[in-house]
Amino acid sequence: MAEANTKVLEVKGLKKSFGENEVLKDINFSVNRGDVTCIIGSSGSGKSTMLRCINLLEEPTGGEIYFNGENILLTKNIPAYRAKVEMVFQSFNLFENMTVLKNCMIGQMKVLKTDKETAKKEAMLYLEKVGMAPYINAKPRQLSGGQKQRVAIARALAMKPDVILFDEPTSALDPQMVGEVLEVIKNIASEGLTMLIVTHEMAFARDVSNHVVFMQDGVICEEGTPQEIFTNPKRPETQAFLTRFMNN
């Protein structure tokens, strides 16, 4: 892992309210370079909202978010920041009118100002990595959910980000496609890329992460290594959540 213990993301006192509804209440945690952090918790605990705040898709109500030591809430160039902190959504968010190849080239050309040939070469490299090279001329509507998600992952990788955020990357997939997408994410994790993954897949979270954050009711209830959280959780809320999940 590259320069372990170098903080790449730091969240301090993060709050988010939608009207009267306080979804995030004083969230504090940090991510080191090369960390694979899985964020677990029941639906409605604030996991996806936290990820969307980190990516500036939602504006925090309070607190600070630091990326490589800089407070990103003061940033003037959000597209440049998002190119460094890429997001893979549960609903894929591919451009329906573009081919698979174009989907993976467009961000590089528009945001990174990469020339067309280089963008194509990079796109092919990552489509190959996720097993989607045979589909470069297909449009998203011709693909299965699992294939779309693999294209979305290749698109994120092609931007050469410092961090990738995954927002429940398998929740919109049929059960038989979940495995293929998790396998791709596992392979990327083994290459030392920094990742934050909101997931309901507990076995995957246990196997792939080195840092687990358990959220409940808009706060971080407990965090630690997979060993600490899954084998020896300290908080009764974490124990209750895991018992419920492991018995499903």
C-alpha atoms as a PDB file:
ATOM      1  CA  MET A   1       0.000   0.000   0.000  1.00  0.00           C
ATOM      2  CA  ALA A   2       1.297   3.413  -0.966  1.00  0.00           C
ATOM      3  CA  GLU A   3       2.411   5.625   1.890  1.00  0.00           C
ATOM      4  CA  ALA A   4       0.208   4.065   4.517  1.00  0.00           C
ATOM      5  CA  ASN A   5      -1.120   6.495   7.129  1.00  0.00           C
ATOM      6  CA  THR A   6      -1.181   9.444   4.727  1.00  0.00           C
ATOM      7  CA  LYS A   7      -4.633  10.953   5.242  1.00  0.00           C
ATOM      8  CA  VAL A   8      -6.361  11.441   1.929  1.00  0.00           C
ATOM      9  CA  LEU A   9      -9.862  12.291   3.208  1.00  0.00           C
ATOM     10  CA  GLU A  10     -10.892  13.713   6.543  1.00  0.00           C
ATOM     11  CA  VAL A  11     -14.459  14.441   7.609  1.00  0.00           C
ATOM     12  CA  LYS A  12     -14.940  16.741  10.619  1.00  0.00           C
ATOM     13  CA  GLY A  13     -18.255  17.524  12.307  1.00  0.00           C
ATOM     14  CA  LEU A  14     -20.232  16.771   9.128  1.00  0.00           C
ATOM     15  CA  LYS A  15     -23.945  17.545   9.374  1.00  0.00           C
ATOM     16  CA  LYS A  16     -26.721  17.334   6.806  1.00  0.00           C
ATOM     17  CA  SER A  17     -30.372  18.216   7.245  1.00  0.00           C
ATOM     18  CA  PHE A  18     -33.231  18.082   4.777  1.00  0.00           C
ATOM     19  CA  GLY A  19     -35.656  20.592   6.266  1.00  0.00           C
ATOM     20  CA  GLU A  20     -36.387  19.476   9.832  1.00  0.00           C
ATOM     21  CA  ASN A  21     -34.902  16.045   9.214  1.00  0.00           C
ATOM     22  CA  GLU A  22     -31.304  15.801  10.460  1.00  0.00           C
ATOM     23  CA  VAL A  23     -29.823  12.922   8.447  1.00  0.00           C
ATOM     24  CA  LEU A  24     -26.163  13.327   9.460  1.00  0.00           C
ATOM     25  CA  LYS A  25     -25.219  14.427  12.982  1.00  0.00           C
ATOM     26  CA  ASP A  26     -21.595  15.311  13.661  1.00  0.00           C
ATOM     27  CA  ILE A  27     -19.765  12.721  11.532  1.00  0.00           C
ATOM     28  CA  ASN A  28     -15.996  12.442  12.093  1.00  0.00           C
ATOM     29  CA  PHE A  29     -13.653   9.980  10.416  1.00  0.00           C
ATOM     30  CA  SER A  30     -10.620   9.835   8.167  1.00  0.00           C
ATOM     31  CA  VAL A  31      -9.399   7.687   5.302  1.00  0.00           C
ATOM     32  CA  ASN A  32      -5.730   6.879   4.705  1.00  0.00           C
ATOM     33  CA  ARG A  33      -4.239   6.351   1.272  1.00  0.00           C
ATOM     34  CA  GLY A  34      -4.783   2.744   0.197  1.00  0.00           C
ATOM     35  CA  ASP A  35      -7.612   2.154   2.710  1.00  0.00           C
ATOM     36  CA  VAL A  36     -10.645   0.172   1.654  1.00  0.00           C
ATOM     37  CA  THR A  37     -13.358   1.480   3.977  1.00  0.00           C
ATOM     38  CA  CYS A  38     -16.734  -0.260   4.009  1.00  0.00           C
ATOM     39  CA  ILE A  39     -19.661   1.687   5.452  1.00  0.00           C
ATOM     40  CA  ILE A  40     -22.407  -0.529   6.825  1.00  0.00           C
ATOM     41  CA  GLY A  41     -25.701   0.086   8.615  1.00  0.00           C
ATOM     42  CA  SER A  42     -29.460  -0.181   8.170  1.00  0.00           C
ATOM     43  CA  SER A  43     -31.301   1.647   5.383  1.00  0.00           C
ATOM     44  CA  GLY A  44     -31.888   5.248   6.413  1.00  0.00           C
ATOM     45  CA  SER A  45     -28.824   5.456   8.671  1.00  0.00           C
ATOM     46  CA  GLY A  46     -27.250   8.184   6.486  1.00  0.00           C
ATOM     47  CA  LYS A  47     -24.598   6.143   4.632  1.00  0.00           C
ATOM     48  CA  SER A  48     -25.438   7.245   1.080  1.00  0.00           C
ATOM     49  CA  THR A  49     -26.047  10.848   2.164  1.00  0.00           C
ATOM     50  CA  MET A  50     -22.574  10.928   3.699  1.00  0.00           C
ATOM     51  CA  LEU A  51     -21.035   9.668   0.454  1.00  0.00           C
ATOM     52  CA  ARG A  52     -23.006  12.240  -1.569  1.00  0.00           C
ATOM     53  CA  CYS A  53     -21.755  15.018   0.746  1.00  0.00           C
ATOM     54  CA  ILE A  54     -18.143  13.850   0.294  1.00  0.00           C
ATOM     55  CA  ASN A  55     -18.657  14.024  -3.495  1.00  0.00           C
ATOM     56  CA  LEU A  56     -20.441  17.427  -3.153  1.00  0.00           C
ATOM     57  CA  LEU A  57     -23.606  16.073  -4.764  1.00  0.00           C
ATOM     58  CA  GLU A  58     -25.267  17.223  -1.528  1.00  0.00           C
ATOM     59  CA  GLU A  59     -24.176  20.391   0.227  1.00  0.00           C
ATOM     60  CA  PRO A  60     -23.389  19.712   3.899  1.00  0.00           C
ATOM     61  CA  THR A  61     -25.321  21.773   6.439  1.00  0.00           C
ATOM     62  CA  GLY A  62     -22.239  21.982   8.643  1.00  0.00           C
ATOM     63  CA  GLY A  63     -18.728  20.650   9.170  1.00  0.00           C
ATOM     64  CA  GLU A  64     -15.628  20.324   7.003  1.00  0.00           C
ATOM     65  CA  ILE A  65     -14.346  17.819   4.459  1.00  0.00           C
ATOM     66  CA  TYR A  66     -10.612  17.778   3.743  1.00  0.00           C
ATOM     67  CA  PHE A  67      -9.088  16.173   0.657  1.00  0.00           C
ATOM     68  CA  ASN A  68      -5.279  15.974   0.753  1.00  0.00           C
ATOM     69  CA  GLY A  69      -5.355  18.587   3.518  1.00  0.00           C
ATOM     70  CA  GLU A  70      -7.547  21.099   1.677  1.00  0.00           C
ATOM     71  CA  ASN A  71     -11.097  22.015   2.756  1.00  0.00           C
ATOM     72  CA  ILE A  72     -13.093  21.019  -0.323  1.00  0.00           C
ATOM     73  CA  LEU A  73     -16.159  22.974   0.777  1.00  0.00           C
ATOM     74  CA  LEU A  74     -14.196  26.083  -0.206  1.00  0.00           C
ATOM     75  CA  THR A  75     -13.234  24.672  -3.605  1.00  0.00           C
ATOM     76  CA  LYS A  76     -14.170  26.621  -6.678  1.00  0.00           C
ATOM     77  CA  ASN A  77     -13.535  23.786  -9.113  1.00  0.00           C
ATOM     78  CA  ILE A  78     -15.969  20.994  -8.285  1.00  0.00           C
ATOM     79  CA  PRO A  79     -15.500  19.023 -11.576  1.00  0.00           C
ATOM     80  CA  ALA A  80     -11.723  18.862 -10.992  1.00  0.00           C
ATOM     81  CA  TYR A  81     -12.313  17.643  -7.424  1.00  0.00           C
ATOM     82  CA  ARG A  82     -14.849  15.039  -8.579  1.00  0.00           C
ATOM     83  CA  ALA A  83     -12.320  13.741 -11.116  1.00  0.00           C
ATOM     84  CA  LYS A  84     -10.024  12.988  -8.155  1.00  0.00           C
ATOM     85  CA  VAL A  85     -12.834  11.558  -6.001  1.00  0.00           C
ATOM     86  CA  GLU A  86     -14.921   9.543  -8.455  1.00  0.00           C
ATOM     87  CA  MET A  87     -18.306   8.028  -7.617  1.00  0.00           C
ATOM     88  CA  VAL A  88     -19.909   4.798  -8.808  1.00  0.00           C
ATOM     89  CA  PHE A  89     -23.686   4.930  -8.303  1.00  0.00           C
ATOM     90  CA  GLN A  90     -26.182   2.162  -7.598  1.00  0.00           C
ATOM     91  CA  SER A  91     -28.116   3.198 -10.721  1.00  0.00           C
ATOM     92  CA  PHE A  92     -25.001   3.257 -13.000  1.00  0.00           C
ATOM     93  CA  ASN A  93     -25.611   6.796 -14.403  1.00  0.00           C
ATOM     94  CA  LEU A  94     -24.214   5.940 -17.844  1.00  0.00           C
ATOM     95  CA  PHE A  95     -24.924   8.164 -20.861  1.00  0.00           C
ATOM     96  CA  GLU A  96     -27.631   6.195 -22.668  1.00  0.00           C
ATOM     97  CA  ASN A  97     -26.916   7.787 -26.066  1.00  0.00           C
ATOM     98  CA  MET A  98     -23.213   6.871 -26.038  1.00  0.00           C
ATOM     99  CA  THR A  99     -21.426   3.589 -26.627  1.00  0.00           C
ATOM    100  CA  VAL A 100     -19.584   1.828 -23.824  1.00  0.00           C
ATOM    101  CA  LEU A 101     -16.285   3.127 -25.202  1.00  0.00           C
ATOM    102  CA  LYS A 102     -17.516   6.740 -25.454  1.00  0.00           C
ATOM    103  CA  ASN A 103     -18.880   6.557 -21.891  1.00  0.00           C
ATOM    104  CA  CYS A 104     -15.342   5.796 -20.721  1.00  0.00           C
ATOM    105  CA  MET A 105     -13.703   8.473 -22.897  1.00  0.00           C
ATOM    106  CA  ILE A 106     -15.941  11.500 -22.398  1.00  0.00           C
ATOM    107  CA  GLY A 107     -14.865  12.422 -18.833  1.00  0.00           C
ATOM    108  CA  GLN A 108     -11.197  12.105 -19.692  1.00  0.00           C
ATOM    109  CA  MET A 109     -11.592  14.400 -22.708  1.00  0.00           C
ATOM    110  CA  LYS A 110     -13.912  16.975 -21.086  1.00  0.00           C
ATOM    111  CA  VAL A 111     -12.478  17.205 -17.564  1.00  0.00           C
ATOM    112  CA  LEU A 112      -8.886  15.991 -17.863  1.00  0.00           C
ATOM    113  CA  LYS A 113      -8.478  17.462 -21.387  1.00  0.00           C
ATOM    114  CA  THR A 114      -6.983  14.160 -22.569  1.00  0.00           C
ATOM    115  CA  ASP A 115      -6.617  13.858 -26.334  1.00  0.00           C
ATOM    116  CA  LYS A 116      -8.933  11.421 -28.126  1.00  0.00           C
ATOM    117  CA  GLU A 117      -6.331   8.719 -28.868  1.00  0.00           C
ATOM    118  CA  THR A 118      -5.009   8.628 -25.312  1.00  0.00           C
ATOM    119  CA  ALA A 119      -8.554   8.641 -23.889  1.00  0.00           C
ATOM    120  CA  LYS A 120      -9.427   5.689 -26.117  1.00  0.00           C
ATOM    121  CA  LYS A 121      -6.323   3.770 -25.064  1.00  0.00           C
ATOM    122  CA  GLU A 122      -7.046   4.390 -21.351  1.00  0.00           C
ATOM    123  CA  ALA A 123     -10.718   3.461 -21.782  1.00  0.00           C
ATOM    124  CA  MET A 124      -9.777   0.184 -23.495  1.00  0.00           C
ATOM    125  CA  LEU A 125      -7.281  -0.634 -20.766  1.00  0.00           C
ATOM    126  CA  TYR A 126      -9.901  -0.344 -18.010  1.00  0.00           C
ATOM    127  CA  LEU A 127     -12.731  -1.950 -19.994  1.00  0.00           C
ATOM    128  CA  GLU A 128     -10.389  -4.889 -20.464  1.00  0.00           C
ATOM    129  CA  LYS A 129      -9.695  -4.944 -16.721  1.00  0.00           C
ATOM    130  CA  VAL A 130     -13.411  -5.247 -15.875  1.00  0.00           C
ATOM    131  CA  GLY A 131     -14.115  -7.753 -18.655  1.00  0.00           C
ATOM    132  CA  MET A 132     -16.144  -5.382 -20.861  1.00  0.00           C
ATOM    133  CA  ALA A 133     -13.775  -4.938 -23.851  1.00  0.00           C
ATOM    134  CA  PRO A 134     -16.010  -7.115 -26.128  1.00  0.00           C
ATOM    135  CA  TYR A 135     -18.888  -4.642 -25.626  1.00  0.00           C
ATOM    136  CA  ILE A 136     -17.228  -1.342 -26.587  1.00  0.00           C
ATOM    137  CA  ASN A 137     -19.751  -0.584 -29.359  1.00  0.00           C
ATOM    138  CA  ALA A 138     -22.844  -1.478 -27.334  1.00  0.00           C
ATOM    139  CA  LYS A 139     -25.178   1.148 -25.884  1.00  0.00           C
ATOM    140  CA  PRO A 140     -26.142   0.869 -22.187  1.00  0.00           C
ATOM    141  CA  ARG A 141     -29.684  -0.346 -23.001  1.00  0.00           C
ATOM    142  CA  GLN A 142     -28.164  -3.467 -24.628  1.00  0.00           C
ATOM    143  CA  LEU A 143     -26.336  -4.430 -21.419  1.00  0.00           C
ATOM    144  CA  SER A 144     -27.367  -6.273 -18.267  1.00  0.00           C
ATOM    145  CA  GLY A 145     -27.229  -4.469 -14.919  1.00  0.00           C
ATOM    146  CA  GLY A 146     -23.980  -6.202 -13.985  1.00  0.00           C
ATOM    147  CA  GLN A 147     -22.394  -5.199 -17.282  1.00  0.00           C
ATOM    148  CA  LYS A 148     -23.519  -1.577 -16.875  1.00  0.00           C
ATOM    149  CA  GLN A 149     -22.002  -1.450 -13.412  1.00  0.00           C
ATOM    150  CA  ARG A 150     -18.696  -2.840 -14.703  1.00  0.00           C
ATOM    151  CA  VAL A 151     -18.660  -0.116 -17.390  1.00  0.00           C
ATOM    152  CA  ALA A 152     -19.354   2.494 -14.686  1.00  0.00           C
ATOM    153  CA  ILE A 153     -16.383   1.152 -12.699  1.00  0.00           C
ATOM    154  CA  ALA A 154     -14.128   1.259 -15.796  1.00  0.00           C
ATOM    155  CA  ARG A 155     -15.276   4.841 -16.434  1.00  0.00           C
ATOM    156  CA  ALA A 156     -14.333   5.829 -12.880  1.00  0.00           C
ATOM    157  CA  LEU A 157     -10.937   4.100 -13.117  1.00  0.00           C
ATOM    158  CA  ALA A 158     -10.150   5.802 -16.447  1.00  0.00           C
ATOM    159  CA  MET A 159     -10.185   9.158 -14.638  1.00  0.00           C
ATOM    160  CA  LYS A 160      -7.219   7.919 -12.539  1.00  0.00           C
ATOM    161  CA  PRO A 161      -8.839   9.130  -9.321  1.00  0.00           C
ATOM    162  CA  ASP A 162      -7.204   9.261  -5.891  1.00  0.00           C
ATOM    163  CA  VAL A 163     -10.375   7.833  -4.311  1.00  0.00           C
ATOM    164  CA  ILE A 164     -13.417   5.958  -5.613  1.00  0.00           C
ATOM    165  CA  LEU A 165     -16.722   6.132  -3.739  1.00  0.00           C
ATOM    166  CA  PHE A 166     -19.118   3.233  -4.315  1.00  0.00           C
ATOM    167  CA  ASP A 167     -22.737   3.858  -3.313  1.00  0.00           C
ATOM    168  CA  GLU A 168     -24.302   0.410  -2.860  1.00  0.00           C
ATOM    169  CA  PRO A 169     -22.856  -0.753  -6.187  1.00  0.00           C
ATOM    170  CA  THR A 170     -24.801  -4.035  -6.187  1.00  0.00           C
ATOM    171  CA  SER A 171     -28.188  -3.028  -4.772  1.00  0.00           C
ATOM    172  CA  ALA A 172     -29.836  -2.603  -8.203  1.00  0.00           C
ATOM    173  CA  LEU A 173     -28.522  -5.930  -9.532  1.00  0.00           C
ATOM    174  CA  ASP A 174     -30.047  -9.389  -9.844  1.00  0.00           C
ATOM    175  CA  PRO A 175     -28.507 -11.816  -7.329  1.00  0.00           C
ATOM    176  CA  GLN A 176     -26.519 -13.690  -9.984  1.00  0.00           C
ATOM    177  CA  MET A 177     -24.846 -10.449 -11.125  1.00  0.00           C
ATOM    178  CA  VAL A 178     -23.852  -9.293  -7.651  1.00  0.00           C
ATOM    179  CA  GLY A 179     -20.914 -11.715  -7.525  1.00  0.00           C
ATOM    180  CA  GLU A 180     -19.345 -10.574 -10.792  1.00  0.00           C
ATOM    181  CA  VAL A 181     -19.386  -6.899  -9.750  1.00  0.00           C
ATOM    182  CA  LEU A 182     -18.044  -7.639  -6.253  1.00  0.00           C
ATOM    183  CA  GLU A 183     -15.250  -9.674  -7.861  1.00  0.00           C
ATOM    184  CA  VAL A 184     -14.234  -6.674 -10.000  1.00  0.00           C
ATOM    185  CA  ILE A 185     -14.220  -4.394  -6.925  1.00  0.00           C
ATOM    186  CA  LYS A 186     -12.156  -6.952  -4.981  1.00  0.00           C
ATOM    187  CA  ASN A 187      -9.571  -7.026  -7.760  1.00  0.00           C
ATOM    188  CA  ILE A 188      -9.288  -3.222  -7.763  1.00  0.00           C
ATOM    189  CA  ALA A 189      -8.981  -3.203  -3.960  1.00  0.00           C
ATOM    190  CA  SER A 190      -6.052  -5.608  -4.160  1.00  0.00           C
ATOM    191  CA  GLU A 191      -4.194  -3.040  -6.303  1.00  0.00           C
ATOM    192  CA  GLY A 192      -4.122  -0.529  -3.463  1.00  0.00           C
ATOM    193  CA  LEU A 193      -6.668   2.033  -4.701  1.00  0.00           C
ATOM    194  CA  THR A 194      -8.334   4.055  -1.936  1.00  0.00           C
ATOM    195  CA  MET A 195     -12.043   3.206  -1.792  1.00  0.00           C
ATOM    196  CA  LEU A 196     -15.116   3.996   0.294  1.00  0.00           C
ATOM    197  CA  ILE A 197     -17.877   1.463  -0.224  1.00  0.00           C
ATOM    198  CA  VAL A 198     -21.426   1.679   1.114  1.00  0.00           C
ATOM    199  CA  THR A 199     -22.638  -1.930   1.012  1.00  0.00           C
ATOM    200  CA  HIS A 200     -25.211  -4.379   2.349  1.00  0.00           C
ATOM    201  CA  GLU A 201     -22.942  -7.315   1.477  1.00  0.00           C
ATOM    202  CA  MET A 202     -21.483  -8.220   4.866  1.00  0.00           C
ATOM    203  CA  ALA A 203     -19.242 -11.104   3.758  1.00  0.00           C
ATOM    204  CA  PHE A 204     -17.785  -8.850   1.056  1.00  0.00           C
ATOM    205  CA  ALA A 205     -17.235  -6.007   3.562  1.00  0.00           C
ATOM    206  CA  ARG A 206     -15.467  -8.407   5.914  1.00  0.00           C
ATOM    207  CA  ASP A 207     -13.220  -9.830   3.171  1.00  0.00           C
ATOM    208  CA  VAL A 208     -12.325  -6.739   1.155  1.00  0.00           C
ATOM    209  CA  SER A 209     -11.938  -3.895   3.670  1.00  0.00           C
ATOM    210  CA  ASN A 210      -9.279  -2.962   6.194  1.00  0.00           C
ATOM    211  CA  HIS A 211     -11.565  -0.406   7.878  1.00  0.00           C
ATOM    212  CA  VAL A 212     -15.284  -0.749   8.669  1.00  0.00           C
ATOM    213  CA  VAL A 213     -17.601   2.080   9.723  1.00  0.00           C
ATOM    214  CA  PHE A 214     -20.987   1.181  11.239  1.00  0.00           C
ATOM    215  CA  MET A 215     -23.595   3.967  11.024  1.00  0.00           C
ATOM    216  CA  GLN A 216     -26.924   4.249  12.783  1.00  0.00           C
ATOM    217  CA  ASP A 217     -29.367   7.171  12.984  1.00  0.00           C
ATOM    218  CA  GLY A 218     -26.973   9.602  11.306  1.00  0.00           C
ATOM    219  CA  VAL A 219     -23.962   8.966  13.523  1.00  0.00           C
ATOM    220  CA  ILE A 220     -20.943   6.677  13.403  1.00  0.00           C
ATOM    221  CA  CYS A 221     -21.764   4.167  16.082  1.00  0.00           C
ATOM    222  CA  GLU A 222     -18.553   2.139  15.870  1.00  0.00           C
ATOM    223  CA  GLU A 223     -15.543   1.774  13.587  1.00  0.00           C
ATOM    224  CA  GLY A 224     -12.531  -0.506  13.441  1.00  0.00           C
ATOM    225  CA  THR A 225     -10.901  -3.341  11.538  1.00  0.00           C
ATOM    226  CA  PRO A 226     -13.140  -6.027   9.986  1.00  0.00           C
ATOM    227  CA  GLN A 227     -11.890  -8.367  12.716  1.00  0.00           C
ATOM    228  CA  GLU A 228     -12.997  -5.948  15.476  1.00  0.00           C
ATOM    229  CA  ILE A 229     -16.379  -5.111  13.935  1.00  0.00           C
ATOM    230  CA  PHE A 230     -17.447  -8.535  12.655  1.00  0.00           C
ATOM    231  CA  THR A 231     -15.890 -10.780  15.302  1.00  0.00           C
ATOM    232  CA  ASN A 232     -15.937  -8.650  18.400  1.00  0.00           C
ATOM    233  CA  PRO A 233     -18.258  -5.624  18.085  1.00  0.00           C
ATOM    234  CA  LYS A 234     -18.350  -3.565  21.279  1.00  0.00           C
ATOM    235  CA  ARG A 235     -21.566  -1.608  20.881  1.00  0.00           C
ATOM    236  CA  PRO A 236     -24.932  -3.344  21.438  1.00  0.00           C
ATOM    237  CA  GLU A 237     -26.314  -1.557  18.319  1.00  0.00           C
ATOM    238  CA  THR A 238     -23.540  -3.071  16.167  1.00  0.00           C
ATOM    239  CA  GLN A 239     -24.111  -6.505  17.690  1.00  0.00           C
ATOM    240  CA  ALA A 240     -27.858  -6.305  17.042  1.00  0.00           C
ATOM    241  CA  PHE A 241     -27.354  -5.145  13.431  1.00  0.00           C
ATOM    242  CA  LEU A 242     -24.836  -7.886  12.619  1.00  0.00           C
ATOM    243  CA  THR A 243     -26.916 -10.608  14.294  1.00  0.00           C
ATOM    244  CA  ARG A 244     -29.880  -9.557  12.179  1.00  0.00           C
ATOM    245  CA  PHE A 245     -27.774  -9.489   9.011  1.00  0.00           C
ATOM    246  CA  MET A 246     -25.824 -12.680   9.542  1.00  0.00           C
ATOM    247  CA  ASN A 247     -29.041 -14.593  10.250  1.00  0.00           C
ATOM    248  CA  ASN A 248     -30.721 -13.514   7.014  1.00  0.00           C
END
